[in-house]
Amino acid sequence: MRVDELAPAPGATKRGKRVGRGIGGKGGKTAGRGTKGQRARNTVRRGFEGGQMPLKQRVPKLKGFNNPFRVEYSPVNLHQLDKLGASSVTPESLVEAGLIRKGAFVKILAHGSISSKVDVTAHAVSESARAAIEAAGGSVTLVELPFKAEGRAGRPAVKGNQFANR
């Protein structure tokens, strides 16, 4: 059996009325379309709503855009590091502790306080968090991102008026 051979069971559907076949039976002359008018002439275009403002024009336009070069960090606060009680913290140890997901970039933030010496390795650290960790006797090491952050989608800056010589 092929797709073009599929059909409903016999008697399951009613045949459509044959209209526009002369005045011998019902559905002759205007073929059930009434007299004159837009729909009698089969000219209603796709998306037309009878003069009402169409849906595609009523829907508000979206503002702004999504920056494809945005770096998304998973935040980890100082009080979370203090609760871990480890002497050194790396992104891998944070994944094992369940604080971040595997492969996420870590940023240490200064919410809460830290009481013990901790050596932190992360992708980014806020200045106040760095100061708090170093005040507690710990150290901060930054891990490089696996890509280079570039401005303007990695293109060189245009110098002068690019349309001046046209």
C-alpha atoms as a PDB file:
ATOM      1  CA  MET A   1       0.000   0.000   0.000  1.00  0.00           C
ATOM      2  CA  ARG A   2       1.252   3.476  -0.864  1.00  0.00           C
ATOM      3  CA  VAL A   3       0.386   6.888   0.560  1.00  0.00           C
ATOM      4  CA  ASP A   4      -1.527   7.874  -2.581  1.00  0.00           C
ATOM      5  CA  GLU A   5      -3.737   4.773  -2.221  1.00  0.00           C
ATOM      6  CA  LEU A   6      -4.961   5.736   1.260  1.00  0.00           C
ATOM      7  CA  ALA A   7      -8.686   6.512   1.376  1.00  0.00           C
ATOM      8  CA  PRO A   8     -11.454   6.484   3.988  1.00  0.00           C
ATOM      9  CA  ALA A   9     -13.621   3.378   4.280  1.00  0.00           C
ATOM     10  CA  PRO A  10     -16.507   3.228   1.753  1.00  0.00           C
ATOM     11  CA  GLY A  11     -19.534   5.079   3.111  1.00  0.00           C
ATOM     12  CA  ALA A  12     -17.481   6.808   5.811  1.00  0.00           C
ATOM     13  CA  THR A  13     -17.533  10.147   3.992  1.00  0.00           C
ATOM     14  CA  LYS A  14     -20.228  11.949   2.094  1.00  0.00           C
ATOM     15  CA  ARG A  15     -19.512  13.114  -1.434  1.00  0.00           C
ATOM     16  CA  GLY A  16     -19.335  16.862  -1.860  1.00  0.00           C
ATOM     17  CA  LYS A  17     -22.174  18.626  -3.669  1.00  0.00           C
ATOM     18  CA  ARG A  18     -21.413  19.263  -7.332  1.00  0.00           C
ATOM     19  CA  VAL A  19     -22.270  22.881  -7.924  1.00  0.00           C
ATOM     20  CA  GLY A  20     -22.114  25.156 -10.928  1.00  0.00           C
ATOM     21  CA  ARG A  21     -23.299  22.511 -13.418  1.00  0.00           C
ATOM     22  CA  GLY A  22     -26.256  24.323 -14.952  1.00  0.00           C
ATOM     23  CA  ILE A  23     -29.815  25.105 -13.908  1.00  0.00           C
ATOM     24  CA  GLY A  24     -30.989  21.460 -13.967  1.00  0.00           C
ATOM     25  CA  GLY A  25     -30.590  20.982 -10.219  1.00  0.00           C
ATOM     26  CA  LYS A  26     -29.713  22.763  -7.016  1.00  0.00           C
ATOM     27  CA  GLY A  27     -26.430  24.648  -7.043  1.00  0.00           C
ATOM     28  CA  GLY A  28     -26.730  26.044 -10.531  1.00  0.00           C
ATOM     29  CA  LYS A  29     -26.059  29.605 -11.703  1.00  0.00           C
ATOM     30  CA  THR A  30     -24.292  31.237  -8.695  1.00  0.00           C
ATOM     31  CA  ALA A  31     -23.266  27.849  -7.215  1.00  0.00           C
ATOM     32  CA  GLY A  32     -24.215  28.720  -3.639  1.00  0.00           C
ATOM     33  CA  ARG A  33     -22.002  31.814  -3.531  1.00  0.00           C
ATOM     34  CA  GLY A  34     -24.818  34.349  -3.446  1.00  0.00           C
ATOM     35  CA  THR A  35     -24.931  37.339  -5.752  1.00  0.00           C
ATOM     36  CA  LYS A  36     -21.922  39.559  -6.384  1.00  0.00           C
ATOM     37  CA  GLY A  37     -19.353  40.549  -3.790  1.00  0.00           C
ATOM     38  CA  GLN A  38     -15.832  39.619  -2.887  1.00  0.00           C
ATOM     39  CA  ARG A  39     -16.448  36.004  -1.910  1.00  0.00           C
ATOM     40  CA  ALA A  40     -18.633  35.352  -4.943  1.00  0.00           C
ATOM     41  CA  ARG A  41     -15.640  36.221  -7.125  1.00  0.00           C
ATOM     42  CA  ASN A  42     -13.123  34.124  -5.175  1.00  0.00           C
ATOM     43  CA  THR A  43     -10.755  37.037  -4.442  1.00  0.00           C
ATOM     44  CA  VAL A  44     -10.131  36.784  -0.690  1.00  0.00           C
ATOM     45  CA  ARG A  45      -6.361  36.795  -0.301  1.00  0.00           C
ATOM     46  CA  ARG A  46      -4.458  34.764   2.285  1.00  0.00           C
ATOM     47  CA  GLY A  47      -4.409  36.461   5.708  1.00  0.00           C
ATOM     48  CA  PHE A  48      -7.217  38.915   4.816  1.00  0.00           C
ATOM     49  CA  GLU A  49      -9.568  39.529   7.747  1.00  0.00           C
ATOM     50  CA  GLY A  50     -12.305  41.609   6.130  1.00  0.00           C
ATOM     51  CA  GLY A  51     -10.604  44.971   6.577  1.00  0.00           C
ATOM     52  CA  GLN A  52      -9.803  44.350  10.260  1.00  0.00           C
ATOM     53  CA  MET A  53      -6.148  44.941  11.110  1.00  0.00           C
ATOM     54  CA  PRO A  54      -4.522  41.575  10.306  1.00  0.00           C
ATOM     55  CA  LEU A  55      -3.005  39.465  13.060  1.00  0.00           C
ATOM     56  CA  LYS A  56       0.504  39.769  11.667  1.00  0.00           C
ATOM     57  CA  GLN A  57       0.237  43.560  12.000  1.00  0.00           C
ATOM     58  CA  ARG A  58      -1.518  43.505  15.408  1.00  0.00           C
ATOM     59  CA  VAL A  59       1.206  41.469  17.112  1.00  0.00           C
ATOM     60  CA  PRO A  60       3.801  43.762  18.699  1.00  0.00           C
ATOM     61  CA  LYS A  61       7.286  43.708  17.240  1.00  0.00           C
ATOM     62  CA  LEU A  62      10.056  42.365  19.441  1.00  0.00           C
ATOM     63  CA  LYS A  63      12.614  44.879  20.639  1.00  0.00           C
ATOM     64  CA  GLY A  64      16.306  44.304  21.158  1.00  0.00           C
ATOM     65  CA  PHE A  65      18.344  41.275  20.217  1.00  0.00           C
ATOM     66  CA  ASN A  66      20.191  38.301  21.716  1.00  0.00           C
ATOM     67  CA  ASN A  67      23.928  38.821  21.791  1.00  0.00           C
ATOM     68  CA  PRO A  68      25.540  35.683  20.309  1.00  0.00           C
ATOM     69  CA  PHE A  69      28.859  36.514  22.023  1.00  0.00           C
ATOM     70  CA  ARG A  70      27.480  36.765  25.575  1.00  0.00           C
ATOM     71  CA  VAL A  71      29.380  34.663  28.113  1.00  0.00           C
ATOM     72  CA  GLU A  72      26.996  33.049  30.608  1.00  0.00           C
ATOM     73  CA  TYR A  73      28.486  32.376  34.046  1.00  0.00           C
ATOM     74  CA  SER A  74      27.156  30.152  36.830  1.00  0.00           C
ATOM     75  CA  PRO A  75      27.332  32.217  40.040  1.00  0.00           C
ATOM     76  CA  VAL A  76      28.837  30.759  43.206  1.00  0.00           C
ATOM     77  CA  ASN A  77      28.735  32.862  46.372  1.00  0.00           C
ATOM     78  CA  LEU A  78      31.238  33.092  49.215  1.00  0.00           C
ATOM     79  CA  HIS A  79      28.881  31.514  51.762  1.00  0.00           C
ATOM     80  CA  GLN A  80      28.561  28.477  49.450  1.00  0.00           C
ATOM     81  CA  LEU A  81      32.375  28.156  49.346  1.00  0.00           C
ATOM     82  CA  ASP A  82      32.469  28.434  53.153  1.00  0.00           C
ATOM     83  CA  LYS A  83      29.831  25.697  53.459  1.00  0.00           C
ATOM     84  CA  LEU A  84      31.928  23.356  51.255  1.00  0.00           C
ATOM     85  CA  GLY A  85      34.769  23.479  53.758  1.00  0.00           C
ATOM     86  CA  ALA A  86      37.401  22.578  51.142  1.00  0.00           C
ATOM     87  CA  SER A  87      40.885  24.076  51.127  1.00  0.00           C
ATOM     88  CA  SER A  88      40.921  24.412  47.327  1.00  0.00           C
ATOM     89  CA  VAL A  89      37.992  24.944  44.996  1.00  0.00           C
ATOM     90  CA  THR A  90      38.022  24.250  41.235  1.00  0.00           C
ATOM     91  CA  PRO A  91      35.197  24.106  38.686  1.00  0.00           C
ATOM     92  CA  GLU A  92      35.435  20.286  38.800  1.00  0.00           C
ATOM     93  CA  SER A  93      34.999  20.224  42.596  1.00  0.00           C
ATOM     94  CA  LEU A  94      31.982  22.535  42.288  1.00  0.00           C
ATOM     95  CA  VAL A  95      30.414  20.128  39.766  1.00  0.00           C
ATOM     96  CA  GLU A  96      30.953  17.226  42.200  1.00  0.00           C
ATOM     97  CA  ALA A  97      29.367  19.279  45.001  1.00  0.00           C
ATOM     98  CA  GLY A  98      26.353  19.951  42.781  1.00  0.00           C
ATOM     99  CA  LEU A  99      26.722  23.744  42.774  1.00  0.00           C
ATOM    100  CA  ILE A 100      27.188  24.072  39.001  1.00  0.00           C
ATOM    101  CA  ARG A 101      26.632  21.978  35.900  1.00  0.00           C
ATOM    102  CA  LYS A 102      29.405  20.234  34.034  1.00  0.00           C
ATOM    103  CA  GLY A 103      31.036  22.500  31.437  1.00  0.00           C
ATOM    104  CA  ALA A 104      29.651  25.732  32.928  1.00  0.00           C
ATOM    105  CA  PHE A 105      31.783  28.837  33.436  1.00  0.00           C
ATOM    106  CA  VAL A 106      32.110  29.811  37.111  1.00  0.00           C
ATOM    107  CA  LYS A 107      32.013  33.312  38.572  1.00  0.00           C
ATOM    108  CA  ILE A 108      32.638  33.802  42.281  1.00  0.00           C
ATOM    109  CA  LEU A 109      30.438  36.510  43.828  1.00  0.00           C
ATOM    110  CA  ALA A 110      30.752  38.207  47.218  1.00  0.00           C
ATOM    111  CA  HIS A 111      27.384  37.345  48.791  1.00  0.00           C
ATOM    112  CA  GLY A 112      27.952  36.144  52.346  1.00  0.00           C
ATOM    113  CA  SER A 113      31.306  35.784  54.038  1.00  0.00           C
ATOM    114  CA  ILE A 114      34.207  33.350  54.141  1.00  0.00           C
ATOM    115  CA  SER A 115      35.987  32.389  57.350  1.00  0.00           C
ATOM    116  CA  SER A 116      38.681  29.921  56.280  1.00  0.00           C
ATOM    117  CA  LYS A 117      41.592  30.027  53.830  1.00  0.00           C
ATOM    118  CA  VAL A 118      40.492  28.815  50.397  1.00  0.00           C
ATOM    119  CA  ASP A 119      42.437  28.633  47.133  1.00  0.00           C
ATOM    120  CA  VAL A 120      39.893  29.352  44.395  1.00  0.00           C
ATOM    121  CA  THR A 121      40.239  28.533  40.694  1.00  0.00           C
ATOM    122  CA  ALA A 122      37.436  30.031  38.569  1.00  0.00           C
ATOM    123  CA  HIS A 123      36.697  31.642  35.208  1.00  0.00           C
ATOM    124  CA  ALA A 124      35.775  35.013  36.755  1.00  0.00           C
ATOM    125  CA  VAL A 125      35.745  36.614  40.205  1.00  0.00           C
ATOM    126  CA  SER A 126      34.138  39.859  41.345  1.00  0.00           C
ATOM    127  CA  GLU A 127      36.512  42.414  42.892  1.00  0.00           C
ATOM    128  CA  SER A 128      34.792  42.305  46.296  1.00  0.00           C
ATOM    129  CA  ALA A 129      34.879  38.484  46.321  1.00  0.00           C
ATOM    130  CA  ARG A 130      38.598  38.543  45.447  1.00  0.00           C
ATOM    131  CA  ALA A 131      39.237  40.994  48.315  1.00  0.00           C
ATOM    132  CA  ALA A 132      37.295  38.824  50.799  1.00  0.00           C
ATOM    133  CA  ILE A 133      39.101  35.611  49.762  1.00  0.00           C
ATOM    134  CA  GLU A 134      42.524  37.257  49.969  1.00  0.00           C
ATOM    135  CA  ALA A 135      41.631  38.860  53.331  1.00  0.00           C
ATOM    136  CA  ALA A 136      40.874  35.355  54.673  1.00  0.00           C
ATOM    137  CA  GLY A 137      44.360  34.240  53.539  1.00  0.00           C
ATOM    138  CA  GLY A 138      43.293  32.457  50.353  1.00  0.00           C
ATOM    139  CA  SER A 139      44.273  32.981  46.729  1.00  0.00           C
ATOM    140  CA  VAL A 140      42.428  33.408  43.437  1.00  0.00           C
ATOM    141  CA  THR A 141      43.500  31.869  40.124  1.00  0.00           C
ATOM    142  CA  LEU A 142      41.622  32.639  36.902  1.00  0.00           C
ATOM    143  CA  VAL A 143      41.043  29.937  34.288  1.00  0.00           C
ATOM    144  CA  GLU A 144      41.150  31.162  30.699  1.00  0.00           C
ATOM    145  CA  LEU A 145      37.987  30.826  28.658  1.00  0.00           C
ATOM    146  CA  PRO A 146      38.258  28.312  25.788  1.00  0.00           C
ATOM    147  CA  PHE A 147      37.614  31.090  23.255  1.00  0.00           C
ATOM    148  CA  LYS A 148      38.844  34.592  22.646  1.00  0.00           C
ATOM    149  CA  ALA A 149      36.387  37.366  23.495  1.00  0.00           C
ATOM    150  CA  GLU A 150      36.304  39.807  20.586  1.00  0.00           C
ATOM    151  CA  GLY A 151      34.310  42.944  19.954  1.00  0.00           C
ATOM    152  CA  ARG A 152      32.020  43.555  16.972  1.00  0.00           C
ATOM    153  CA  ALA A 153      31.642  39.888  16.087  1.00  0.00           C
ATOM    154  CA  GLY A 154      35.381  39.429  15.601  1.00  0.00           C
ATOM    155  CA  ARG A 155      35.643  41.979  12.784  1.00  0.00           C
ATOM    156  CA  PRO A 156      38.235  44.751  12.692  1.00  0.00           C
ATOM    157  CA  ALA A 157      37.004  48.275  13.344  1.00  0.00           C
ATOM    158  CA  VAL A 158      36.082  50.324  10.245  1.00  0.00           C
ATOM    159  CA  LYS A 159      38.268  53.410   9.965  1.00  0.00           C
ATOM    160  CA  GLY A 160      36.739  56.586   8.593  1.00  0.00           C
ATOM    161  CA  ASN A 161      33.644  56.806   6.452  1.00  0.00           C
ATOM    162  CA  GLN A 162      33.320  53.561   4.510  1.00  0.00           C
ATOM    163  CA  PHE A 163      30.930  55.198   1.987  1.00  0.00           C
ATOM    164  CA  ALA A 164      33.119  58.238   1.190  1.00  0.00           C
ATOM    165  CA  ASN A 165      34.677  56.937  -2.038  1.00  0.00           C
ATOM    166  CA  ARG A 166      31.540  55.533  -3.651  1.00  0.00           C
END
